[in-house]
Amino acid sequence: MENSVIDSNTKLTAAYYNEGKPPHMFRIHTDVTLFGLKDQLDQINRQLNHRNTQRMDGVEYRRPSTDSARSVWFGRMKLMNNDEVRTMFLIFGQYSTREPIELDALLVIFVEQIKKSLIRLRNYKEIMALLDSPDKEISLADS
């Protein structure tokens, strides 16, 4: 039987990519920066979906709160800077549950990736020049 040691400076985290199910579980360090968190989420997405050209755009924390009846509900807190990441850990620590930190990771396709996937349209003159040159093999694909 193998003993595994869990670093006390890490927290179990469930990341939902574009609100998809099921979440992807991983551990994050409590001193992580927003850049580091986004980078870690981006790397996990590339490992899980290696053909996916979407990249990390934003992260939201599913923040637990209680009302006067002591019912727990979840609000969303968009993580915009390192202070908000630290606040996320403070809020999570106040609830000291056995549940993981829950994050919504927003993935987007950047314009550069869309441009790379498009077939460049040719105008009439370009097509005629290709057709008029008998010595060349005709290809309408980008060169």
C-alpha atoms as a PDB file:
ATOM      1  CA  MET A   1       0.000   0.000   0.000  1.00  0.00           C
ATOM      2  CA  GLU A   2       1.395   3.361  -1.037  1.00  0.00           C
ATOM      3  CA  ASN A   3       1.275   6.334   1.312  1.00  0.00           C
ATOM      4  CA  SER A   4       0.731   9.677  -0.345  1.00  0.00           C
ATOM      5  CA  VAL A   5       1.508  12.932   1.368  1.00  0.00           C
ATOM      6  CA  ILE A   6      -0.780  15.877   0.686  1.00  0.00           C
ATOM      7  CA  ASP A   7       0.846  19.271   0.881  1.00  0.00           C
ATOM      8  CA  SER A   8      -1.003  21.329   3.508  1.00  0.00           C
ATOM      9  CA  ASN A   9      -0.334  24.438   1.390  1.00  0.00           C
ATOM     10  CA  THR A  10      -2.585  23.143  -1.386  1.00  0.00           C
ATOM     11  CA  LYS A  11      -6.342  22.929  -1.733  1.00  0.00           C
ATOM     12  CA  LEU A  12      -8.422  20.486  -3.711  1.00  0.00           C
ATOM     13  CA  THR A  13     -10.121  22.290  -6.576  1.00  0.00           C
ATOM     14  CA  ALA A  14     -12.897  21.393  -9.012  1.00  0.00           C
ATOM     15  CA  ALA A  15     -12.738  23.269 -12.318  1.00  0.00           C
ATOM     16  CA  TYR A  16     -15.718  23.418 -14.636  1.00  0.00           C
ATOM     17  CA  TYR A  17     -14.618  24.403 -18.155  1.00  0.00           C
ATOM     18  CA  ASN A  18     -17.292  26.586 -19.813  1.00  0.00           C
ATOM     19  CA  GLU A  19     -19.721  25.320 -17.153  1.00  0.00           C
ATOM     20  CA  GLY A  20     -19.302  21.766 -18.434  1.00  0.00           C
ATOM     21  CA  LYS A  21     -19.695  18.612 -16.413  1.00  0.00           C
ATOM     22  CA  PRO A  22     -18.016  16.732 -14.816  1.00  0.00           C
ATOM     23  CA  PRO A  23     -15.483  18.974 -13.115  1.00  0.00           C
ATOM     24  CA  HIS A  24     -11.765  18.342 -13.407  1.00  0.00           C
ATOM     25  CA  MET A  25     -10.140  17.841 -10.002  1.00  0.00           C
ATOM     26  CA  PHE A  26      -6.654  19.111  -9.189  1.00  0.00           C
ATOM     27  CA  ARG A  27      -4.719  20.778  -6.360  1.00  0.00           C
ATOM     28  CA  ILE A  28      -3.609  24.417  -6.255  1.00  0.00           C
ATOM     29  CA  HIS A  29      -1.097  26.093  -3.962  1.00  0.00           C
ATOM     30  CA  THR A  30      -2.530  28.627  -1.550  1.00  0.00           C
ATOM     31  CA  ASP A  31       0.051  31.193  -2.684  1.00  0.00           C
ATOM     32  CA  VAL A  32      -0.815  30.929  -6.387  1.00  0.00           C
ATOM     33  CA  THR A  33      -1.119  34.119  -8.429  1.00  0.00           C
ATOM     34  CA  LEU A  34      -3.978  34.763 -10.830  1.00  0.00           C
ATOM     35  CA  PHE A  35      -1.581  34.284 -13.746  1.00  0.00           C
ATOM     36  CA  GLY A  36      -0.366  30.989 -12.265  1.00  0.00           C
ATOM     37  CA  LEU A  37      -3.929  29.780 -11.678  1.00  0.00           C
ATOM     38  CA  LYS A  38      -4.985  30.607 -15.240  1.00  0.00           C
ATOM     39  CA  ASP A  39      -1.844  28.959 -16.588  1.00  0.00           C
ATOM     40  CA  GLN A  40      -2.507  25.802 -14.552  1.00  0.00           C
ATOM     41  CA  LEU A  41      -6.125  25.671 -15.777  1.00  0.00           C
ATOM     42  CA  ASP A  42      -4.952  26.222 -19.365  1.00  0.00           C
ATOM     43  CA  GLN A  43      -2.417  23.377 -19.100  1.00  0.00           C
ATOM     44  CA  ILE A  44      -5.020  21.006 -17.678  1.00  0.00           C
ATOM     45  CA  ASN A  45      -7.410  21.843 -20.528  1.00  0.00           C
ATOM     46  CA  ARG A  46      -4.676  21.200 -23.135  1.00  0.00           C
ATOM     47  CA  GLN A  47      -3.899  17.819 -21.525  1.00  0.00           C
ATOM     48  CA  LEU A  48      -7.562  16.824 -21.413  1.00  0.00           C
ATOM     49  CA  ASN A  49      -8.486  18.226 -24.842  1.00  0.00           C
ATOM     50  CA  HIS A  50      -5.259  18.314 -26.841  1.00  0.00           C
ATOM     51  CA  ARG A  51      -7.093  19.214 -30.083  1.00  0.00           C
ATOM     52  CA  ASN A  52      -8.975  22.076 -28.464  1.00  0.00           C
ATOM     53  CA  THR A  53      -7.642  25.489 -29.537  1.00  0.00           C
ATOM     54  CA  GLN A  54      -9.578  27.334 -26.842  1.00  0.00           C
ATOM     55  CA  ARG A  55      -7.534  29.156 -24.252  1.00  0.00           C
ATOM     56  CA  MET A  56      -8.160  30.514 -20.774  1.00  0.00           C
ATOM     57  CA  ASP A  57      -9.922  33.855 -20.639  1.00  0.00           C
ATOM     58  CA  GLY A  58     -11.432  34.201 -17.182  1.00  0.00           C
ATOM     59  CA  VAL A  59     -11.946  32.416 -13.880  1.00  0.00           C
ATOM     60  CA  GLU A  60     -14.842  32.682 -11.452  1.00  0.00           C
ATOM     61  CA  TYR A  61     -14.957  31.332  -7.913  1.00  0.00           C
ATOM     62  CA  ARG A  62     -18.219  29.693  -6.827  1.00  0.00           C
ATOM     63  CA  ARG A  63     -18.249  31.516  -3.494  1.00  0.00           C
ATOM     64  CA  PRO A  64     -20.277  29.977  -0.654  1.00  0.00           C
ATOM     65  CA  SER A  65     -22.420  32.325   1.462  1.00  0.00           C
ATOM     66  CA  THR A  66     -25.011  31.819   4.169  1.00  0.00           C
ATOM     67  CA  ASP A  67     -28.260  33.642   4.725  1.00  0.00           C
ATOM     68  CA  SER A  68     -30.030  34.390   8.021  1.00  0.00           C
ATOM     69  CA  ALA A  69     -31.542  30.879   8.055  1.00  0.00           C
ATOM     70  CA  ARG A  70     -27.973  29.458   7.811  1.00  0.00           C
ATOM     71  CA  SER A  71     -28.710  28.070   4.349  1.00  0.00           C
ATOM     72  CA  VAL A  72     -25.666  27.898   2.109  1.00  0.00           C
ATOM     73  CA  TRP A  73     -25.890  29.287  -1.403  1.00  0.00           C
ATOM     74  CA  PHE A  74     -23.253  30.017  -4.019  1.00  0.00           C
ATOM     75  CA  GLY A  75     -22.514  33.302  -5.708  1.00  0.00           C
ATOM     76  CA  ARG A  76     -19.951  33.975  -8.397  1.00  0.00           C
ATOM     77  CA  MET A  77     -16.818  35.995  -7.799  1.00  0.00           C
ATOM     78  CA  LYS A  78     -14.807  36.860 -10.904  1.00  0.00           C
ATOM     79  CA  LEU A  79     -11.101  36.613 -10.127  1.00  0.00           C
ATOM     80  CA  MET A  80      -9.476  39.706 -11.631  1.00  0.00           C
ATOM     81  CA  ASN A  81      -6.227  40.079  -9.647  1.00  0.00           C
ATOM     82  CA  ASN A  82      -3.992  38.438  -7.041  1.00  0.00           C
ATOM     83  CA  ASP A  83      -5.853  40.055  -4.117  1.00  0.00           C
ATOM     84  CA  GLU A  84      -9.090  38.405  -5.236  1.00  0.00           C
ATOM     85  CA  VAL A  85      -7.331  35.017  -5.432  1.00  0.00           C
ATOM     86  CA  ARG A  86      -6.150  35.498  -1.816  1.00  0.00           C
ATOM     87  CA  THR A  87      -9.698  36.519  -0.836  1.00  0.00           C
ATOM     88  CA  MET A  88     -10.980  33.307  -2.415  1.00  0.00           C
ATOM     89  CA  PHE A  89      -8.736  31.261  -0.084  1.00  0.00           C
ATOM     90  CA  LEU A  90      -9.837  33.320   2.941  1.00  0.00           C
ATOM     91  CA  ILE A  91     -13.528  32.824   2.137  1.00  0.00           C
ATOM     92  CA  PHE A  92     -12.985  29.129   1.498  1.00  0.00           C
ATOM     93  CA  GLY A  93     -11.152  28.807   4.836  1.00  0.00           C
ATOM     94  CA  GLN A  94     -14.081  30.339   6.721  1.00  0.00           C
ATOM     95  CA  TYR A  95     -16.390  27.553   5.581  1.00  0.00           C
ATOM     96  CA  SER A  96     -13.823  24.813   6.285  1.00  0.00           C
ATOM     97  CA  THR A  97     -15.779  22.169   4.451  1.00  0.00           C
ATOM     98  CA  ARG A  98     -14.454  18.959   3.010  1.00  0.00           C
ATOM     99  CA  GLU A  99     -15.696  20.060  -0.391  1.00  0.00           C
ATOM    100  CA  PRO A 100     -13.250  21.393  -2.996  1.00  0.00           C
ATOM    101  CA  ILE A 101     -12.888  24.979  -4.131  1.00  0.00           C
ATOM    102  CA  GLU A 102     -15.149  25.279  -7.173  1.00  0.00           C
ATOM    103  CA  LEU A 103     -14.042  27.336 -10.170  1.00  0.00           C
ATOM    104  CA  ASP A 104     -15.685  28.153 -13.480  1.00  0.00           C
ATOM    105  CA  ALA A 105     -13.018  28.484 -16.150  1.00  0.00           C
ATOM    106  CA  LEU A 106     -14.058  30.423 -19.234  1.00  0.00           C
ATOM    107  CA  LEU A 107     -12.380  29.269 -22.422  1.00  0.00           C
ATOM    108  CA  VAL A 108     -12.457  31.251 -25.645  1.00  0.00           C
ATOM    109  CA  ILE A 109     -11.034  30.916 -29.119  1.00  0.00           C
ATOM    110  CA  PHE A 110      -8.746  33.834 -29.856  1.00  0.00           C
ATOM    111  CA  VAL A 111      -8.960  35.699 -33.161  1.00  0.00           C
ATOM    112  CA  GLU A 112      -5.544  34.420 -34.253  1.00  0.00           C
ATOM    113  CA  GLN A 113      -6.746  30.821 -33.932  1.00  0.00           C
ATOM    114  CA  ILE A 114      -9.904  31.588 -35.916  1.00  0.00           C
ATOM    115  CA  LYS A 115      -7.840  33.235 -38.669  1.00  0.00           C
ATOM    116  CA  LYS A 116      -5.528  30.209 -38.871  1.00  0.00           C
ATOM    117  CA  SER A 117      -8.503  27.881 -39.325  1.00  0.00           C
ATOM    118  CA  LEU A 118     -10.080  29.877 -42.159  1.00  0.00           C
ATOM    119  CA  ILE A 119      -9.533  29.177 -45.845  1.00  0.00           C
ATOM    120  CA  ARG A 120      -8.411  32.353 -47.542  1.00  0.00           C
ATOM    121  CA  LEU A 121     -10.819  33.424 -50.261  1.00  0.00           C
ATOM    122  CA  ARG A 122      -9.355  34.170 -53.670  1.00  0.00           C
ATOM    123  CA  ASN A 123     -10.600  36.919 -55.934  1.00  0.00           C
ATOM    124  CA  TYR A 124     -11.415  36.482 -59.615  1.00  0.00           C
ATOM    125  CA  LYS A 125      -8.006  37.723 -60.821  1.00  0.00           C
ATOM    126  CA  GLU A 126      -6.118  35.290 -58.579  1.00  0.00           C
ATOM    127  CA  ILE A 127      -8.219  32.331 -59.749  1.00  0.00           C
ATOM    128  CA  MET A 128      -7.831  33.303 -63.429  1.00  0.00           C
ATOM    129  CA  ALA A 129      -4.057  33.649 -62.992  1.00  0.00           C
ATOM    130  CA  LEU A 130      -3.955  30.127 -61.597  1.00  0.00           C
ATOM    131  CA  LEU A 131      -6.072  28.769 -64.464  1.00  0.00           C
ATOM    132  CA  ASP A 132      -4.059  30.603 -67.129  1.00  0.00           C
ATOM    133  CA  SER A 133      -0.728  29.120 -66.110  1.00  0.00           C
ATOM    134  CA  PRO A 134      -0.624  25.691 -67.815  1.00  0.00           C
ATOM    135  CA  ASP A 135       2.772  24.722 -66.411  1.00  0.00           C
ATOM    136  CA  LYS A 136       1.700  24.885 -62.778  1.00  0.00           C
ATOM    137  CA  GLU A 137      -0.417  22.507 -60.794  1.00  0.00           C
ATOM    138  CA  ILE A 138      -3.668  24.254 -59.823  1.00  0.00           C
ATOM    139  CA  SER A 139      -4.298  24.542 -56.107  1.00  0.00           C
ATOM    140  CA  LEU A 140      -6.712  26.905 -54.408  1.00  0.00           C
ATOM    141  CA  ALA A 141      -5.273  26.056 -51.006  1.00  0.00           C
ATOM    142  CA  ASP A 142      -3.200  28.621 -49.169  1.00  0.00           C
ATOM    143  CA  SER A 143       0.479  28.392 -49.959  1.00  0.00           C
END
